[in-house]
């Protein structure tokens, strides 16, 4: 079972700059992955 994350607003997501995987609240297992020049949503189930 994925952990619950704090909710990120659209503004908070747009301010994320560091590469990595960020858990997003609202849907269990939803992550925002930030790479060099791209952002992608992922769902781990």
PDB file of N, CA and C in Angstrom:
ATOM      1  N   UNK A   1       0.840  -1.171   0.000  1.00  0.00           N
ATOM      2  CA  UNK A   1       0.000   0.000   0.000  1.00  0.00           C
ATOM      3  C   UNK A   1       0.894   1.246   0.000  1.00  0.00           C
ATOM      4  N   UNK A   2       0.755   2.143  -0.975  1.00  0.00           N
ATOM      5  CA  UNK A   2       1.583   3.346  -1.032  1.00  0.00           C
ATOM      6  C   UNK A   2       1.295   4.283   0.138  1.00  0.00           C
ATOM      7  N   UNK A   3       2.278   5.083   0.481  1.00  0.00           N
ATOM      8  CA  UNK A   3       2.090   6.026   1.577  1.00  0.00           C
ATOM      9  C   UNK A   3       1.259   7.224   1.113  1.00  0.00           C
ATOM     10  N   UNK A   4       0.612   7.889   2.078  1.00  0.00           N
ATOM     11  CA  UNK A   4      -0.158   9.100   1.795  1.00  0.00           C
ATOM     12  C   UNK A   4       0.802  10.282   1.796  1.00  0.00           C
ATOM     13  N   UNK A   5       0.673  11.146   0.817  1.00  0.00           N
ATOM     14  CA  UNK A   5       1.549  12.304   0.709  1.00  0.00           C
ATOM     15  C   UNK A   5       0.756  13.575   0.950  1.00  0.00           C
ATOM     16  N   UNK A   6       1.469  14.650   1.221  1.00  0.00           N
ATOM     17  CA  UNK A   6       0.775  15.921   1.378  1.00  0.00           C
ATOM     18  C   UNK A   6       0.344  16.416   0.002  1.00  0.00           C
ATOM     19  N   UNK A   7      -0.713  17.203  -0.011  1.00  0.00           N
ATOM     20  CA  UNK A   7      -1.255  17.676  -1.277  1.00  0.00           C
ATOM     21  C   UNK A   7      -0.383  18.801  -1.823  1.00  0.00           C
ATOM     22  N   UNK A   8      -0.067  18.727  -3.104  1.00  0.00           N
ATOM     23  CA  UNK A   8       0.709  19.766  -3.768  1.00  0.00           C
ATOM     24  C   UNK A   8      -0.216  20.567  -4.674  1.00  0.00           C
ATOM     25  N   UNK A   9      -0.148  21.884  -4.567  1.00  0.00           N
ATOM     26  CA  UNK A   9      -0.948  22.738  -5.437  1.00  0.00           C
ATOM     27  C   UNK A   9      -0.264  22.843  -6.799  1.00  0.00           C
ATOM     28  N   UNK A  10      -0.963  23.402  -7.762  1.00  0.00           N
ATOM     29  CA  UNK A  10      -0.382  23.599  -9.092  1.00  0.00           C
ATOM     30  C   UNK A  10       0.842  24.505  -9.002  1.00  0.00           C
ATOM     31  N   UNK A  11       0.785  25.507  -8.145  1.00  0.00           N
ATOM     32  CA  UNK A  11       1.913  26.409  -7.966  1.00  0.00           C
ATOM     33  C   UNK A  11       3.107  25.678  -7.364  1.00  0.00           C
ATOM     34  N   UNK A  12       2.867  24.837  -6.379  1.00  0.00           N
ATOM     35  CA  UNK A  12       3.950  24.076  -5.748  1.00  0.00           C
ATOM     36  C   UNK A  12       4.602  23.127  -6.751  1.00  0.00           C
ATOM     37  N   UNK A  13       3.803  22.494  -7.598  1.00  0.00           N
ATOM     38  CA  UNK A  13       4.344  21.588  -8.614  1.00  0.00           C
ATOM     39  C   UNK A  13       5.186  22.363  -9.616  1.00  0.00           C
ATOM     40  N   UNK A  14       4.733  23.534 -10.023  1.00  0.00           N
ATOM     41  CA  UNK A  14       5.484  24.320 -11.004  1.00  0.00           C
ATOM     42  C   UNK A  14       6.806  24.824 -10.440  1.00  0.00           C
ATOM     43  N   UNK A  15       6.896  24.948  -9.125  1.00  0.00           N
ATOM     44  CA  UNK A  15       8.131  25.427  -8.492  1.00  0.00           C
ATOM     45  C   UNK A  15       9.158  24.328  -8.246  1.00  0.00           C
ATOM     46  N   UNK A  16       8.781  23.075  -8.385  1.00  0.00           N
ATOM     47  CA  UNK A  16       9.729  21.976  -8.181  1.00  0.00           C
ATOM     48  C   UNK A  16      10.765  21.992  -9.295  1.00  0.00           C
ATOM     49  N   UNK A  17      12.021  22.039  -8.933  1.00  0.00           N
ATOM     50  CA  UNK A  17      13.100  22.115  -9.921  1.00  0.00           C
ATOM     51  C   UNK A  17      14.061  20.930  -9.839  1.00  0.00           C
ATOM     52  N   UNK A  18      14.260  20.392  -8.645  1.00  0.00           N
ATOM     53  CA  UNK A  18      15.238  19.320  -8.456  1.00  0.00           C
ATOM     54  C   UNK A  18      14.739  18.020  -9.075  1.00  0.00           C
ATOM     55  N   UNK A  19      15.657  17.292  -9.704  1.00  0.00           N
ATOM     56  CA  UNK A  19      15.299  16.003 -10.289  1.00  0.00           C
ATOM     57  C   UNK A  19      14.894  15.037  -9.185  1.00  0.00           C
ATOM     58  N   UNK A  20      13.939  14.189  -9.506  1.00  0.00           N
ATOM     59  CA  UNK A  20      13.513  13.200  -8.530  1.00  0.00           C
ATOM     60  C   UNK A  20      12.074  12.795  -8.737  1.00  0.00           C
ATOM     61  N   UNK A  21      11.564  12.050  -7.765  1.00  0.00           N
ATOM     62  CA  UNK A  21      10.185  11.562  -7.804  1.00  0.00           C
ATOM     63  C   UNK A  21       9.468  12.111  -6.582  1.00  0.00           C
ATOM     64  N   UNK A  22       8.347  12.775  -6.818  1.00  0.00           N
ATOM     65  CA  UNK A  22       7.594  13.424  -5.761  1.00  0.00           C
ATOM     66  C   UNK A  22       6.217  12.798  -5.650  1.00  0.00           C
ATOM     67  N   UNK A  23       5.865  12.342  -4.461  1.00  0.00           N
ATOM     68  CA  UNK A  23       4.537  11.780  -4.220  1.00  0.00           C
ATOM     69  C   UNK A  23       3.524  12.916  -4.185  1.00  0.00           C
ATOM     70  N   UNK A  24       2.362  12.672  -4.777  1.00  0.00           N
ATOM     71  CA  UNK A  24       1.302  13.673  -4.845  1.00  0.00           C
ATOM     72  C   UNK A  24       0.069  13.113  -4.154  1.00  0.00           C
ATOM     73  N   UNK A  25      -0.561  13.922  -3.323  1.00  0.00           N
ATOM     74  CA  UNK A  25      -1.747  13.485  -2.589  1.00  0.00           C
ATOM     75  C   UNK A  25      -2.975  13.472  -3.483  1.00  0.00           C
ATOM     76  N   UNK A  26      -4.006  12.790  -3.011  1.00  0.00           N
ATOM     77  CA  UNK A  26      -5.264  12.730  -3.740  1.00  0.00           C
ATOM     78  C   UNK A  26      -5.497  11.368  -4.344  1.00  0.00           C
ATOM     79  N   UNK A  27      -4.448  10.746  -4.864  1.00  0.00           N
ATOM     80  CA  UNK A  27      -4.528   9.412  -5.462  1.00  0.00           C
ATOM     81  C   UNK A  27      -3.361   8.601  -4.913  1.00  0.00           C
ATOM     82  N   UNK A  28      -3.655   7.446  -4.321  1.00  0.00           N
ATOM     83  CA  UNK A  28      -2.581   6.598  -3.798  1.00  0.00           C
ATOM     84  C   UNK A  28      -1.673   6.148  -4.930  1.00  0.00           C
ATOM     85  N   UNK A  29      -0.369   6.313  -4.752  1.00  0.00           N
ATOM     86  CA  UNK A  29       0.594   5.837  -5.725  1.00  0.00           C
ATOM     87  C   UNK A  29       0.873   6.787  -6.872  1.00  0.00           C
ATOM     88  N   UNK A  30       0.340   8.019  -6.830  1.00  0.00           N
ATOM     89  CA  UNK A  30       0.566   8.989  -7.901  1.00  0.00           C
ATOM     90  C   UNK A  30       1.845   9.756  -7.621  1.00  0.00           C
ATOM     91  N   UNK A  31       2.727   9.808  -8.610  1.00  0.00           N
ATOM     92  CA  UNK A  31       4.010  10.486  -8.478  1.00  0.00           C
ATOM     93  C   UNK A  31       4.247  11.414  -9.650  1.00  0.00           C
ATOM     94  N   UNK A  32       4.976  12.488  -9.390  1.00  0.00           N
ATOM     95  CA  UNK A  32       5.472  13.372 -10.433  1.00  0.00           C
ATOM     96  C   UNK A  32       6.965  13.120 -10.531  1.00  0.00           C
ATOM     97  N   UNK A  33       7.427  12.732 -11.705  1.00  0.00           N
ATOM     98  CA  UNK A  33       8.852  12.458 -11.915  1.00  0.00           C
ATOM     99  C   UNK A  33       9.447  13.606 -12.714  1.00  0.00           C
ATOM    100  N   UNK A  34      10.502  14.213 -12.190  1.00  0.00           N
ATOM    101  CA  UNK A  34      11.166  15.317 -12.857  1.00  0.00           C
ATOM    102  C   UNK A  34      12.553  14.862 -13.272  1.00  0.00           C
ATOM    103  N   UNK A  35      12.821  14.964 -14.564  1.00  0.00           N
ATOM    104  CA  UNK A  35      14.140  14.659 -15.117  1.00  0.00           C
ATOM    105  C   UNK A  35      14.730  15.976 -15.636  1.00  0.00           C
ATOM    106  N   UNK A  36      15.804  15.916 -16.356  1.00  0.00           N
ATOM    107  CA  UNK A  36      16.487  17.130 -16.802  1.00  0.00           C
ATOM    108  C   UNK A  36      15.548  18.149 -17.431  1.00  0.00           C
ATOM    109  N   UNK A  37      14.868  17.773 -18.486  1.00  0.00           N
ATOM    110  CA  UNK A  37      14.008  18.716 -19.206  1.00  0.00           C
ATOM    111  C   UNK A  37      12.565  18.265 -19.278  1.00  0.00           C
ATOM    112  N   UNK A  38      12.208  17.255 -18.528  1.00  0.00           N
ATOM    113  CA  UNK A  38      10.851  16.729 -18.659  1.00  0.00           C
ATOM    114  C   UNK A  38      10.209  16.487 -17.300  1.00  0.00           C
ATOM    115  N   UNK A  39       8.893  16.454 -17.333  1.00  0.00           N
ATOM    116  CA  UNK A  39       8.081  16.108 -16.171  1.00  0.00           C
ATOM    117  C   UNK A  39       7.089  15.068 -16.637  1.00  0.00           C
ATOM    118  N   UNK A  40       6.887  14.047 -15.831  1.00  0.00           N
ATOM    119  CA  UNK A  40       5.955  12.983 -16.209  1.00  0.00           C
ATOM    120  C   UNK A  40       5.230  12.494 -14.965  1.00  0.00           C
ATOM    121  N   UNK A  41       3.957  12.161 -15.146  1.00  0.00           N
ATOM    122  CA  UNK A  41       3.162  11.588 -14.073  1.00  0.00           C
ATOM    123  C   UNK A  41       3.272  10.075 -14.128  1.00  0.00           C
ATOM    124  N   UNK A  42       3.338   9.442 -12.969  1.00  0.00           N
ATOM    125  CA  UNK A  42       3.391   7.987 -12.895  1.00  0.00           C
ATOM    126  C   UNK A  42       2.453   7.484 -11.814  1.00  0.00           C
ATOM    127  N   UNK A  43       1.895   6.321 -12.045  1.00  0.00           N
ATOM    128  CA  UNK A  43       0.999   5.713 -11.070  1.00  0.00           C
ATOM    129  C   UNK A  43       1.533   4.332 -10.729  1.00  0.00           C
ATOM    130  N   UNK A  44       1.837   4.116  -9.470  1.00  0.00           N
ATOM    131  CA  UNK A  44       2.317   2.824  -8.999  1.00  0.00           C
ATOM    132  C   UNK A  44       1.161   2.142  -8.297  1.00  0.00           C
ATOM    133  N   UNK A  45       0.801   0.962  -8.796  1.00  0.00           N
ATOM    134  CA  UNK A  45      -0.329   0.253  -8.192  1.00  0.00           C
ATOM    135  C   UNK A  45       0.055  -1.145  -7.833  1.00  0.00           C
TER     136      UNK A  45
END
